[in-house]
């Protein structure tokens, strides 16, 4: 099941054109994003480390640990994103355990990629 399927039906949507910065490395993170449509790239120090498509997430770490953004995210194609603030994130984790598991899977996957690239 996709993360999109786990979101409330009244979730807010944000449309962005290709090439738009979603957030920048070092920024304070107040939102995470679920990619509903399109693709976005995650960059660390200007290097693309992952491309995230529909159903993927961006910016989750900043909500989990309240630290500055560890990466930059830029839309690769026009995107429709579902922004989630900390309260929405907490509500979803509490009400929909599958959402929390999906986020943990993404975090584990990204950690494995970073370990391989070292």
PDB file of N, CA and C in Angstrom:
ATOM      1  N   UNK A   1       0.839  -1.181   0.000  1.00  0.00           N
ATOM      2  CA  UNK A   1       0.000   0.000   0.000  1.00  0.00           C
ATOM      3  C   UNK A   1       0.885   1.245   0.000  1.00  0.00           C
ATOM      4  N   UNK A   2       0.537   2.205  -0.820  1.00  0.00           N
ATOM      5  CA  UNK A   2       1.282   3.452  -0.944  1.00  0.00           C
ATOM      6  C   UNK A   2       0.974   4.388   0.227  1.00  0.00           C
ATOM      7  N   UNK A   3       1.938   5.232   0.553  1.00  0.00           N
ATOM      8  CA  UNK A   3       1.703   6.237   1.593  1.00  0.00           C
ATOM      9  C   UNK A   3       0.546   7.155   1.226  1.00  0.00           C
ATOM     10  N   UNK A   4       0.366   7.411  -0.048  1.00  0.00           N
ATOM     11  CA  UNK A   4      -0.739   8.267  -0.489  1.00  0.00           C
ATOM     12  C   UNK A   4      -2.082   7.678  -0.055  1.00  0.00           C
ATOM     13  N   UNK A   5      -2.192   6.356  -0.144  1.00  0.00           N
ATOM     14  CA  UNK A   5      -3.433   5.684   0.237  1.00  0.00           C
ATOM     15  C   UNK A   5      -3.721   5.794   1.735  1.00  0.00           C
ATOM     16  N   UNK A   6      -2.702   6.081   2.528  1.00  0.00           N
ATOM     17  CA  UNK A   6      -2.865   6.159   3.978  1.00  0.00           C
ATOM     18  C   UNK A   6      -3.210   7.569   4.469  1.00  0.00           C
ATOM     19  N   UNK A   7      -3.129   8.548   3.573  1.00  0.00           N
ATOM     20  CA  UNK A   7      -3.404   9.937   3.957  1.00  0.00           C
ATOM     21  C   UNK A   7      -4.899  10.203   4.027  1.00  0.00           C
ATOM     22  N   UNK A   8      -5.302  11.171   4.845  1.00  0.00           N
ATOM     23  CA  UNK A   8      -6.725  11.533   4.900  1.00  0.00           C
ATOM     24  C   UNK A   8      -7.204  12.039   3.539  1.00  0.00           C
ATOM     25  N   UNK A   9      -8.446  11.802   3.222  1.00  0.00           N
ATOM     26  CA  UNK A   9      -9.001  12.208   1.916  1.00  0.00           C
ATOM     27  C   UNK A   9      -9.033  13.731   1.755  1.00  0.00           C
ATOM     28  N   UNK A  10      -9.005  14.468   2.854  1.00  0.00           N
ATOM     29  CA  UNK A  10      -9.040  15.931   2.769  1.00  0.00           C
ATOM     30  C   UNK A  10      -7.641  16.554   2.895  1.00  0.00           C
ATOM     31  N   UNK A  11      -6.596  15.759   2.658  1.00  0.00           N
ATOM     32  CA  UNK A  11      -5.233  16.274   2.776  1.00  0.00           C
ATOM     33  C   UNK A  11      -5.009  17.431   1.802  1.00  0.00           C
ATOM     34  N   UNK A  12      -4.286  18.429   2.269  1.00  0.00           N
ATOM     35  CA  UNK A  12      -3.970  19.615   1.462  1.00  0.00           C
ATOM     36  C   UNK A  12      -2.944  19.243   0.386  1.00  0.00           C
ATOM     37  N   UNK A  13      -3.081  19.789  -0.799  1.00  0.00           N
ATOM     38  CA  UNK A  13      -2.162  19.530  -1.897  1.00  0.00           C
ATOM     39  C   UNK A  13      -1.439  20.814  -2.283  1.00  0.00           C
ATOM     40  N   UNK A  14      -0.162  20.689  -2.657  1.00  0.00           N
ATOM     41  CA  UNK A  14       0.633  21.812  -3.119  1.00  0.00           C
ATOM     42  C   UNK A  14       1.245  21.440  -4.461  1.00  0.00           C
ATOM     43  N   UNK A  15       1.025  22.267  -5.471  1.00  0.00           N
ATOM     44  CA  UNK A  15       1.590  22.023  -6.805  1.00  0.00           C
ATOM     45  C   UNK A  15       2.818  22.893  -7.009  1.00  0.00           C
ATOM     46  N   UNK A  16       3.885  22.291  -7.535  1.00  0.00           N
ATOM     47  CA  UNK A  16       5.126  23.014  -7.804  1.00  0.00           C
ATOM     48  C   UNK A  16       5.622  22.671  -9.200  1.00  0.00           C
ATOM     49  N   UNK A  17       6.206  23.657  -9.892  1.00  0.00           N
ATOM     50  CA  UNK A  17       6.769  23.383 -11.221  1.00  0.00           C
ATOM     51  C   UNK A  17       8.107  22.646 -11.099  1.00  0.00           C
ATOM     52  N   UNK A  18       8.589  22.119 -12.199  1.00  0.00           N
ATOM     53  CA  UNK A  18       9.917  21.499 -12.228  1.00  0.00           C
ATOM     54  C   UNK A  18      10.982  22.526 -11.872  1.00  0.00           C
ATOM     55  N   UNK A  19      12.001  22.085 -11.156  1.00  0.00           N
ATOM     56  CA  UNK A  19      13.110  22.964 -10.803  1.00  0.00           C
ATOM     57  C   UNK A  19      12.909  23.803  -9.552  1.00  0.00           C
ATOM     58  N   UNK A  20      11.814  23.604  -8.859  1.00  0.00           N
ATOM     59  CA  UNK A  20      11.501  24.382  -7.645  1.00  0.00           C
ATOM     60  C   UNK A  20      12.165  23.740  -6.421  1.00  0.00           C
ATOM     61  N   UNK A  21      12.785  24.565  -5.578  1.00  0.00           N
ATOM     62  CA  UNK A  21      13.349  24.069  -4.323  1.00  0.00           C
ATOM     63  C   UNK A  21      12.201  23.853  -3.341  1.00  0.00           C
ATOM     64  N   UNK A  22      12.090  22.639  -2.839  1.00  0.00           N
ATOM     65  CA  UNK A  22      11.052  22.309  -1.852  1.00  0.00           C
ATOM     66  C   UNK A  22      11.546  22.731  -0.475  1.00  0.00           C
ATOM     67  N   UNK A  23      12.784  22.372  -0.179  1.00  0.00           N
ATOM     68  CA  UNK A  23      13.467  22.839   1.027  1.00  0.00           C
ATOM     69  C   UNK A  23      14.962  22.734   0.785  1.00  0.00           C
ATOM     70  N   UNK A  24      15.739  23.480   1.588  1.00  0.00           N
ATOM     71  CA  UNK A  24      17.186  23.521   1.405  1.00  0.00           C
ATOM     72  C   UNK A  24      17.914  22.956   2.620  1.00  0.00           C
ATOM     73  N   UNK A  25      19.050  22.328   2.327  1.00  0.00           N
ATOM     74  CA  UNK A  25      19.908  21.796   3.377  1.00  0.00           C
ATOM     75  C   UNK A  25      20.229  22.917   4.363  1.00  0.00           C
ATOM     76  N   UNK A  26      20.089  22.609   5.644  1.00  0.00           N
ATOM     77  CA  UNK A  26      20.362  23.594   6.687  1.00  0.00           C
ATOM     78  C   UNK A  26      19.141  24.354   7.167  1.00  0.00           C
ATOM     79  N   UNK A  27      18.067  24.346   6.376  1.00  0.00           N
ATOM     80  CA  UNK A  27      16.825  25.013   6.791  1.00  0.00           C
ATOM     81  C   UNK A  27      16.227  24.321   8.012  1.00  0.00           C
ATOM     82  N   UNK A  28      15.442  25.078   8.743  1.00  0.00           N
ATOM     83  CA  UNK A  28      14.641  24.502   9.817  1.00  0.00           C
ATOM     84  C   UNK A  28      13.481  23.744   9.163  1.00  0.00           C
ATOM     85  N   UNK A  29      13.240  22.532   9.600  1.00  0.00           N
ATOM     86  CA  UNK A  29      12.199  21.725   8.980  1.00  0.00           C
ATOM     87  C   UNK A  29      10.910  21.716   9.778  1.00  0.00           C
ATOM     88  N   UNK A  30       9.854  22.241   9.200  1.00  0.00           N
ATOM     89  CA  UNK A  30       8.549  22.243   9.859  1.00  0.00           C
ATOM     90  C   UNK A  30       7.541  21.368   9.134  1.00  0.00           C
ATOM     91  N   UNK A  31       7.914  20.899   7.926  1.00  0.00           N
ATOM     92  CA  UNK A  31       7.011  20.078   7.128  1.00  0.00           C
ATOM     93  C   UNK A  31       7.767  18.909   6.520  1.00  0.00           C
ATOM     94  N   UNK A  32       7.067  17.790   6.346  1.00  0.00           N
ATOM     95  CA  UNK A  32       7.538  16.722   5.484  1.00  0.00           C
ATOM     96  C   UNK A  32       6.560  16.669   4.325  1.00  0.00           C
ATOM     97  N   UNK A  33       6.886  15.945   3.289  1.00  0.00           N
ATOM     98  CA  UNK A  33       6.043  15.920   2.097  1.00  0.00           C
ATOM     99  C   UNK A  33       5.880  14.495   1.591  1.00  0.00           C
ATOM    100  N   UNK A  34       4.674  14.185   1.160  1.00  0.00           N
ATOM    101  CA  UNK A  34       4.411  12.961   0.411  1.00  0.00           C
ATOM    102  C   UNK A  34       4.247  13.396  -1.041  1.00  0.00           C
ATOM    103  N   UNK A  35       4.950  12.727  -1.936  1.00  0.00           N
ATOM    104  CA  UNK A  35       4.855  13.054  -3.361  1.00  0.00           C
ATOM    105  C   UNK A  35       3.624  12.337  -3.918  1.00  0.00           C
ATOM    106  N   UNK A  36       2.613  13.118  -4.288  1.00  0.00           N
ATOM    107  CA  UNK A  36       1.392  12.554  -4.854  1.00  0.00           C
ATOM    108  C   UNK A  36       1.541  12.334  -6.356  1.00  0.00           C
ATOM    109  N   UNK A  37       2.246  13.262  -7.018  1.00  0.00           N
ATOM    110  CA  UNK A  37       2.499  13.163  -8.462  1.00  0.00           C
ATOM    111  C   UNK A  37       3.848  13.790  -8.752  1.00  0.00           C
ATOM    112  N   UNK A  38       4.540  13.249  -9.744  1.00  0.00           N
ATOM    113  CA  UNK A  38       5.812  13.813 -10.182  1.00  0.00           C
ATOM    114  C   UNK A  38       6.999  13.165  -9.507  1.00  0.00           C
ATOM    115  N   UNK A  39       8.173  13.788  -9.719  1.00  0.00           N
ATOM    116  CA  UNK A  39       9.404  13.295  -9.104  1.00  0.00           C
ATOM    117  C   UNK A  39      10.198  14.466  -8.541  1.00  0.00           C
ATOM    118  N   UNK A  40      10.916  14.178  -7.475  1.00  0.00           N
ATOM    119  CA  UNK A  40      11.778  15.168  -6.830  1.00  0.00           C
ATOM    120  C   UNK A  40      13.122  14.509  -6.559  1.00  0.00           C
ATOM    121  N   UNK A  41      14.151  15.330  -6.485  1.00  0.00           N
ATOM    122  CA  UNK A  41      15.479  14.821  -6.192  1.00  0.00           C
ATOM    123  C   UNK A  41      15.913  15.289  -4.817  1.00  0.00           C
ATOM    124  N   UNK A  42      16.622  14.411  -4.110  1.00  0.00           N
ATOM    125  CA  UNK A  42      17.218  14.745  -2.828  1.00  0.00           C
ATOM    126  C   UNK A  42      18.712  14.908  -3.081  1.00  0.00           C
ATOM    127  N   UNK A  43      19.242  16.056  -2.665  1.00  0.00           N
ATOM    128  CA  UNK A  43      20.656  16.358  -2.871  1.00  0.00           C
ATOM    129  C   UNK A  43      21.328  16.632  -1.535  1.00  0.00           C
ATOM    130  N   UNK A  44      22.548  16.142  -1.391  1.00  0.00           N
ATOM    131  CA  UNK A  44      23.384  16.463  -0.234  1.00  0.00           C
ATOM    132  C   UNK A  44      24.654  17.089  -0.773  1.00  0.00           C
ATOM    133  N   UNK A  45      24.930  18.301  -0.314  1.00  0.00           N
ATOM    134  CA  UNK A  45      26.082  19.063  -0.796  1.00  0.00           C
ATOM    135  C   UNK A  45      26.083  19.149  -2.326  1.00  0.00           C
ATOM    136  N   UNK A  46      24.883  19.293  -2.912  1.00  0.00           N
ATOM    137  CA  UNK A  46      24.745  19.459  -4.349  1.00  0.00           C
ATOM    138  C   UNK A  46      24.758  18.172  -5.160  1.00  0.00           C
ATOM    139  N   UNK A  47      24.971  17.029  -4.522  1.00  0.00           N
ATOM    140  CA  UNK A  47      25.022  15.738  -5.219  1.00  0.00           C
ATOM    141  C   UNK A  47      23.687  15.009  -5.050  1.00  0.00           C
ATOM    142  N   UNK A  48      23.110  14.562  -6.170  1.00  0.00           N
ATOM    143  CA  UNK A  48      21.839  13.825  -6.111  1.00  0.00           C
ATOM    144  C   UNK A  48      22.094  12.472  -5.451  1.00  0.00           C
ATOM    145  N   UNK A  49      21.359  12.216  -4.357  1.00  0.00           N
ATOM    146  CA  UNK A  49      21.499  10.935  -3.662  1.00  0.00           C
ATOM    147  C   UNK A  49      20.271  10.041  -3.839  1.00  0.00           C
ATOM    148  N   UNK A  50      19.156  10.637  -4.262  1.00  0.00           N
ATOM    149  CA  UNK A  50      17.956   9.833  -4.475  1.00  0.00           C
ATOM    150  C   UNK A  50      16.950  10.628  -5.312  1.00  0.00           C
ATOM    151  N   UNK A  51      16.199   9.899  -6.119  1.00  0.00           N
ATOM    152  CA  UNK A  51      15.064  10.472  -6.829  1.00  0.00           C
ATOM    153  C   UNK A  51      13.815   9.834  -6.245  1.00  0.00           C
ATOM    154  N   UNK A  52      12.870  10.659  -5.850  1.00  0.00           N
ATOM    155  CA  UNK A  52      11.659  10.190  -5.178  1.00  0.00           C
ATOM    156  C   UNK A  52      10.462  10.438  -6.087  1.00  0.00           C
ATOM    157  N   UNK A  53       9.688   9.380  -6.324  1.00  0.00           N
ATOM    158  CA  UNK A  53       8.510   9.494  -7.171  1.00  0.00           C
ATOM    159  C   UNK A  53       7.228   9.442  -6.378  1.00  0.00           C
ATOM    160  N   UNK A  54       6.158   9.279  -7.097  1.00  0.00           N
ATOM    161  CA  UNK A  54       4.819   9.232  -6.507  1.00  0.00           C
ATOM    162  C   UNK A  54       4.756   8.182  -5.398  1.00  0.00           C
ATOM    163  N   UNK A  55       4.234   8.601  -4.260  1.00  0.00           N
ATOM    164  CA  UNK A  55       4.132   7.719  -3.096  1.00  0.00           C
ATOM    165  C   UNK A  55       5.325   7.806  -2.166  1.00  0.00           C
ATOM    166  N   UNK A  56       6.381   8.500  -2.584  1.00  0.00           N
ATOM    167  CA  UNK A  56       7.567   8.653  -1.749  1.00  0.00           C
ATOM    168  C   UNK A  56       7.438   9.826  -0.790  1.00  0.00           C
ATOM    169  N   UNK A  57       8.410   9.939   0.104  1.00  0.00           N
ATOM    170  CA  UNK A  57       8.381  11.026   1.088  1.00  0.00           C
ATOM    171  C   UNK A  57       9.693  11.799   1.079  1.00  0.00           C
ATOM    172  N   UNK A  58       9.588  13.036   1.524  1.00  0.00           N
ATOM    173  CA  UNK A  58      10.717  13.954   1.629  1.00  0.00           C
ATOM    174  C   UNK A  58      10.623  14.704   2.949  1.00  0.00           C
ATOM    175  N   UNK A  59      11.750  14.942   3.583  1.00  0.00           N
ATOM    176  CA  UNK A  59      11.781  15.834   4.735  1.00  0.00           C
ATOM    177  C   UNK A  59      11.321  15.251   6.051  1.00  0.00           C
ATOM    178  N   UNK A  60      11.162  13.942   6.116  1.00  0.00           N
ATOM    179  CA  UNK A  60      10.650  13.314   7.335  1.00  0.00           C
ATOM    180  C   UNK A  60      11.608  13.425   8.511  1.00  0.00           C
ATOM    181  N   UNK A  61      12.919  13.426   8.246  1.00  0.00           N
ATOM    182  CA  UNK A  61      13.879  13.450   9.346  1.00  0.00           C
ATOM    183  C   UNK A  61      13.745  14.702  10.200  1.00  0.00           C
ATOM    184  N   UNK A  62      13.498  15.831   9.572  1.00  0.00           N
ATOM    185  CA  UNK A  62      13.393  17.088  10.325  1.00  0.00           C
ATOM    186  C   UNK A  62      12.223  17.078  11.293  1.00  0.00           C
ATOM    187  N   UNK A  63      11.160  16.346  10.959  1.00  0.00           N
ATOM    188  CA  UNK A  63      10.030  16.256  11.894  1.00  0.00           C
ATOM    189  C   UNK A  63      10.323  15.285  13.026  1.00  0.00           C
ATOM    190  N   UNK A  64      11.132  14.290  12.741  1.00  0.00           N
ATOM    191  CA  UNK A  64      11.422  13.266  13.745  1.00  0.00           C
ATOM    192  C   UNK A  64      12.427  13.764  14.777  1.00  0.00           C
ATOM    193  N   UNK A  65      13.485  14.466  14.317  1.00  0.00           N
ATOM    194  CA  UNK A  65      14.525  14.854  15.279  1.00  0.00           C
ATOM    195  C   UNK A  65      14.676  16.360  15.506  1.00  0.00           C
ATOM    196  N   UNK A  66      13.866  17.184  14.840  1.00  0.00           N
ATOM    197  CA  UNK A  66      13.864  18.644  15.028  1.00  0.00           C
ATOM    198  C   UNK A  66      15.224  19.286  14.755  1.00  0.00           C
ATOM    199  N   UNK A  67      16.046  18.644  13.945  1.00  0.00           N
ATOM    200  CA  UNK A  67      17.341  19.190  13.539  1.00  0.00           C
ATOM    201  C   UNK A  67      17.180  19.894  12.184  1.00  0.00           C
ATOM    202  N   UNK A  68      18.148  20.734  11.806  1.00  0.00           N
ATOM    203  CA  UNK A  68      18.074  21.373  10.481  1.00  0.00           C
ATOM    204  C   UNK A  68      18.070  20.322   9.367  1.00  0.00           C
ATOM    205  N   UNK A  69      17.552  20.700   8.229  1.00  0.00           N
ATOM    206  CA  UNK A  69      17.478  19.799   7.079  1.00  0.00           C
ATOM    207  C   UNK A  69      18.868  19.272   6.724  1.00  0.00           C
ATOM    208  N   UNK A  70      18.963  17.964   6.503  1.00  0.00           N
ATOM    209  CA  UNK A  70      20.237  17.335   6.147  1.00  0.00           C
ATOM    210  C   UNK A  70      20.447  17.294   4.642  1.00  0.00           C
ATOM    211  N   UNK A  71      19.447  17.690   3.875  1.00  0.00           N
ATOM    212  CA  UNK A  71      19.524  17.640   2.417  1.00  0.00           C
ATOM    213  C   UNK A  71      18.643  18.732   1.816  1.00  0.00           C
ATOM    214  N   UNK A  72      18.816  18.902   0.518  1.00  0.00           N
ATOM    215  CA  UNK A  72      17.969  19.796  -0.268  1.00  0.00           C
ATOM    216  C   UNK A  72      17.061  18.923  -1.112  1.00  0.00           C
ATOM    217  N   UNK A  73      15.827  19.352  -1.327  1.00  0.00           N
ATOM    218  CA  UNK A  73      14.902  18.644  -2.217  1.00  0.00           C
ATOM    219  C   UNK A  73      14.435  19.612  -3.292  1.00  0.00           C
ATOM    220  N   UNK A  74      14.519  19.160  -4.536  1.00  0.00           N
ATOM    221  CA  UNK A  74      14.135  19.974  -5.692  1.00  0.00           C
ATOM    222  C   UNK A  74      13.228  19.146  -6.594  1.00  0.00           C
ATOM    223  N   UNK A  75      12.185  19.770  -7.117  1.00  0.00           N
ATOM    224  CA  UNK A  75      11.310  19.053  -8.040  1.00  0.00           C
ATOM    225  C   UNK A  75      12.055  18.794  -9.348  1.00  0.00           C
ATOM    226  N   UNK A  76      12.012  17.557  -9.803  1.00  0.00           N
ATOM    227  CA  UNK A  76      12.631  17.196 -11.087  1.00  0.00           C
ATOM    228  C   UNK A  76      11.627  17.378 -12.222  1.00  0.00           C
ATOM    229  N   UNK A  77      10.367  17.144 -11.901  1.00  0.00           N
ATOM    230  CA  UNK A  77       9.266  17.352 -12.842  1.00  0.00           C
ATOM    231  C   UNK A  77       8.195  18.127 -12.079  1.00  0.00           C
ATOM    232  N   UNK A  78       7.163  18.600 -12.762  1.00  0.00           N
ATOM    233  CA  UNK A  78       6.072  19.222 -11.999  1.00  0.00           C
ATOM    234  C   UNK A  78       5.565  18.227 -10.945  1.00  0.00           C
ATOM    235  N   UNK A  79       5.333  18.717  -9.745  1.00  0.00           N
ATOM    236  CA  UNK A  79       4.950  17.839  -8.631  1.00  0.00           C
ATOM    237  C   UNK A  79       3.682  18.330  -7.938  1.00  0.00           C
ATOM    238  N   UNK A  80       2.953  17.367  -7.425  1.00  0.00           N
ATOM    239  CA  UNK A  80       1.879  17.633  -6.478  1.00  0.00           C
ATOM    240  C   UNK A  80       2.331  16.978  -5.185  1.00  0.00           C
ATOM    241  N   UNK A  81       2.460  17.784  -4.141  1.00  0.00           N
ATOM    242  CA  UNK A  81       2.945  17.322  -2.850  1.00  0.00           C
ATOM    243  C   UNK A  81       1.866  17.466  -1.787  1.00  0.00           C
ATOM    244  N   UNK A  82       1.921  16.575  -0.804  1.00  0.00           N
ATOM    245  CA  UNK A  82       1.047  16.675   0.359  1.00  0.00           C
ATOM    246  C   UNK A  82       1.938  17.056   1.542  1.00  0.00           C
ATOM    247  N   UNK A  83       1.888  18.322   1.976  1.00  0.00           N
ATOM    248  CA  UNK A  83       2.692  18.719   3.125  1.00  0.00           C
ATOM    249  C   UNK A  83       2.053  18.242   4.431  1.00  0.00           C
ATOM    250  N   UNK A  84       2.897  17.765   5.328  1.00  0.00           N
ATOM    251  CA  UNK A  84       2.430  17.331   6.649  1.00  0.00           C
ATOM    252  C   UNK A  84       3.258  18.040   7.711  1.00  0.00           C
ATOM    253  N   UNK A  85       2.585  18.741   8.622  1.00  0.00           N
ATOM    254  CA  UNK A  85       3.291  19.354   9.734  1.00  0.00           C
ATOM    255  C   UNK A  85       3.455  18.319  10.849  1.00  0.00           C
ATOM    256  N   UNK A  86       4.099  18.714  11.928  1.00  0.00           N
ATOM    257  CA  UNK A  86       4.386  17.768  13.007  1.00  0.00           C
ATOM    258  C   UNK A  86       3.108  17.174  13.608  1.00  0.00           C
ATOM    259  N   UNK A  87       2.079  17.992  13.778  1.00  0.00           N
ATOM    260  CA  UNK A  87       0.822  17.499  14.346  1.00  0.00           C
ATOM    261  C   UNK A  87       0.171  16.463  13.424  1.00  0.00           C
ATOM    262  N   UNK A  88       0.128  16.764  12.123  1.00  0.00           N
ATOM    263  CA  UNK A  88      -0.447  15.817  11.160  1.00  0.00           C
ATOM    264  C   UNK A  88       0.351  14.526  11.128  1.00  0.00           C
ATOM    265  N   UNK A  89       1.681  14.650  11.155  1.00  0.00           N
ATOM    266  CA  UNK A  89       2.558  13.488  11.167  1.00  0.00           C
ATOM    267  C   UNK A  89       2.286  12.623  12.401  1.00  0.00           C
ATOM    268  N   UNK A  90       2.227  13.261  13.571  1.00  0.00           N
ATOM    269  CA  UNK A  90       1.971  12.537  14.820  1.00  0.00           C
ATOM    270  C   UNK A  90       0.603  11.865  14.796  1.00  0.00           C
ATOM    271  N   UNK A  91      -0.408  12.579  14.304  1.00  0.00           N
ATOM    272  CA  UNK A  91      -1.750  11.994  14.198  1.00  0.00           C
ATOM    273  C   UNK A  91      -1.744  10.760  13.305  1.00  0.00           C
ATOM    274  N   UNK A  92      -1.075  10.849  12.161  1.00  0.00           N
ATOM    275  CA  UNK A  92      -1.019   9.708  11.242  1.00  0.00           C
ATOM    276  C   UNK A  92      -0.295   8.519  11.870  1.00  0.00           C
ATOM    277  N   UNK A  93       0.836   8.787  12.512  1.00  0.00           N
ATOM    278  CA  UNK A  93       1.591   7.705  13.158  1.00  0.00           C
ATOM    279  C   UNK A  93       0.741   7.027  14.224  1.00  0.00           C
ATOM    280  N   UNK A  94      -0.040   7.803  14.958  1.00  0.00           N
ATOM    281  CA  UNK A  94      -0.881   7.264  16.026  1.00  0.00           C
ATOM    282  C   UNK A  94      -2.070   6.484  15.488  1.00  0.00           C
ATOM    283  N   UNK A  95      -2.739   7.044  14.486  1.00  0.00           N
ATOM    284  CA  UNK A  95      -3.970   6.429  13.967  1.00  0.00           C
ATOM    285  C   UNK A  95      -3.740   5.353  12.911  1.00  0.00           C
ATOM    286  N   UNK A  96      -2.621   5.459  12.194  1.00  0.00           N
ATOM    287  CA  UNK A  96      -2.377   4.549  11.068  1.00  0.00           C
ATOM    288  C   UNK A  96      -0.976   3.942  11.231  1.00  0.00           C
ATOM    289  N   UNK A  97      -0.859   2.878  11.993  1.00  0.00           N
ATOM    290  CA  UNK A  97       0.463   2.271  12.221  1.00  0.00           C
ATOM    291  C   UNK A  97       1.214   1.941  10.929  1.00  0.00           C
ATOM    292  N   UNK A  98       0.501   1.595   9.874  1.00  0.00           N
ATOM    293  CA  UNK A  98       1.147   1.296   8.593  1.00  0.00           C
ATOM    294  C   UNK A  98       1.918   2.506   8.066  1.00  0.00           C
ATOM    295  N   UNK A  99       1.427   3.716   8.348  1.00  0.00           N
ATOM    296  CA  UNK A  99       2.132   4.935   7.946  1.00  0.00           C
ATOM    297  C   UNK A  99       3.497   4.986   8.624  1.00  0.00           C
ATOM    298  N   UNK A 100       3.527   4.727   9.930  1.00  0.00           N
ATOM    299  CA  UNK A 100       4.791   4.738  10.677  1.00  0.00           C
ATOM    300  C   UNK A 100       5.751   3.685  10.125  1.00  0.00           C
ATOM    301  N   UNK A 101       5.251   2.507   9.808  1.00  0.00           N
ATOM    302  CA  UNK A 101       6.101   1.458   9.241  1.00  0.00           C
ATOM    303  C   UNK A 101       6.666   1.863   7.886  1.00  0.00           C
ATOM    304  N   UNK A 102       5.858   2.496   7.066  1.00  0.00           N
ATOM    305  CA  UNK A 102       6.332   2.947   5.758  1.00  0.00           C
ATOM    306  C   UNK A 102       7.438   3.993   5.918  1.00  0.00           C
ATOM    307  N   UNK A 103       7.269   4.926   6.834  1.00  0.00           N
ATOM    308  CA  UNK A 103       8.293   5.948   7.077  1.00  0.00           C
ATOM    309  C   UNK A 103       9.574   5.284   7.570  1.00  0.00           C
ATOM    310  N   UNK A 104       9.463   4.320   8.463  1.00  0.00           N
ATOM    311  CA  UNK A 104      10.650   3.618   8.960  1.00  0.00           C
ATOM    312  C   UNK A 104      11.357   2.855   7.839  1.00  0.00           C
ATOM    313  N   UNK A 105      10.595   2.280   6.929  1.00  0.00           N
ATOM    314  CA  UNK A 105      11.197   1.576   5.789  1.00  0.00           C
ATOM    315  C   UNK A 105      11.986   2.543   4.910  1.00  0.00           C
ATOM    316  N   UNK A 106      11.429   3.721   4.686  1.00  0.00           N
ATOM    317  CA  UNK A 106      12.137   4.726   3.887  1.00  0.00           C
ATOM    318  C   UNK A 106      13.431   5.136   4.594  1.00  0.00           C
ATOM    319  N   UNK A 107      13.361   5.391   5.893  1.00  0.00           N
ATOM    320  CA  UNK A 107      14.556   5.779   6.643  1.00  0.00           C
ATOM    321  C   UNK A 107      15.613   4.675   6.597  1.00  0.00           C
ATOM    322  N   UNK A 108      15.211   3.424   6.763  1.00  0.00           N
ATOM    323  CA  UNK A 108      16.153   2.300   6.714  1.00  0.00           C
ATOM    324  C   UNK A 108      16.796   2.205   5.329  1.00  0.00           C
ATOM    325  N   UNK A 109      15.987   2.360   4.297  1.00  0.00           N
ATOM    326  CA  UNK A 109      16.502   2.307   2.925  1.00  0.00           C
ATOM    327  C   UNK A 109      17.538   3.402   2.699  1.00  0.00           C
ATOM    328  N   UNK A 110      17.243   4.610   3.142  1.00  0.00           N
ATOM    329  CA  UNK A 110      18.169   5.729   2.939  1.00  0.00           C
ATOM    330  C   UNK A 110      19.458   5.550   3.739  1.00  0.00           C
ATOM    331  N   UNK A 111      19.356   4.987   4.932  1.00  0.00           N
ATOM    332  CA  UNK A 111      20.562   4.700   5.714  1.00  0.00           C
ATOM    333  C   UNK A 111      21.435   3.677   5.008  1.00  0.00           C
ATOM    334  N   UNK A 112      20.817   2.658   4.445  1.00  0.00           N
ATOM    335  CA  UNK A 112      21.576   1.628   3.725  1.00  0.00           C
ATOM    336  C   UNK A 112      22.293   2.233   2.515  1.00  0.00           C
ATOM    337  N   UNK A 113      21.597   3.099   1.785  1.00  0.00           N
ATOM    338  CA  UNK A 113      22.222   3.750   0.632  1.00  0.00           C
ATOM    339  C   UNK A 113      23.415   4.574   1.069  1.00  0.00           C
ATOM    340  N   UNK A 114      23.257   5.331   2.153  1.00  0.00           N
ATOM    341  CA  UNK A 114      24.366   6.176   2.634  1.00  0.00           C
ATOM    342  C   UNK A 114      25.544   5.317   3.088  1.00  0.00           C
ATOM    343  N   UNK A 115      25.298   4.173   3.698  1.00  0.00           N
ATOM    344  CA  UNK A 115      26.367   3.262   4.120  1.00  0.00           C
ATOM    345  C   UNK A 115      27.114   2.717   2.913  1.00  0.00           C
ATOM    346  N   UNK A 116      26.392   2.374   1.861  1.00  0.00           N
ATOM    347  CA  UNK A 116      27.018   1.822   0.658  1.00  0.00           C
ATOM    348  C   UNK A 116      27.894   2.870  -0.023  1.00  0.00           C
ATOM    349  N   UNK A 117      27.449   4.112  -0.018  1.00  0.00           N
ATOM    350  CA  UNK A 117      28.172   5.174  -0.716  1.00  0.00           C
ATOM    351  C   UNK A 117      29.401   5.674   0.023  1.00  0.00           C
ATOM    352  N   UNK A 118      29.582   5.247   1.228  1.00  0.00           N
ATOM    353  CA  UNK A 118      30.763   5.708   1.986  1.00  0.00           C
ATOM    354  C   UNK A 118      31.996   5.106   1.465  1.00  0.00           C
TER     355      UNK A 118
END
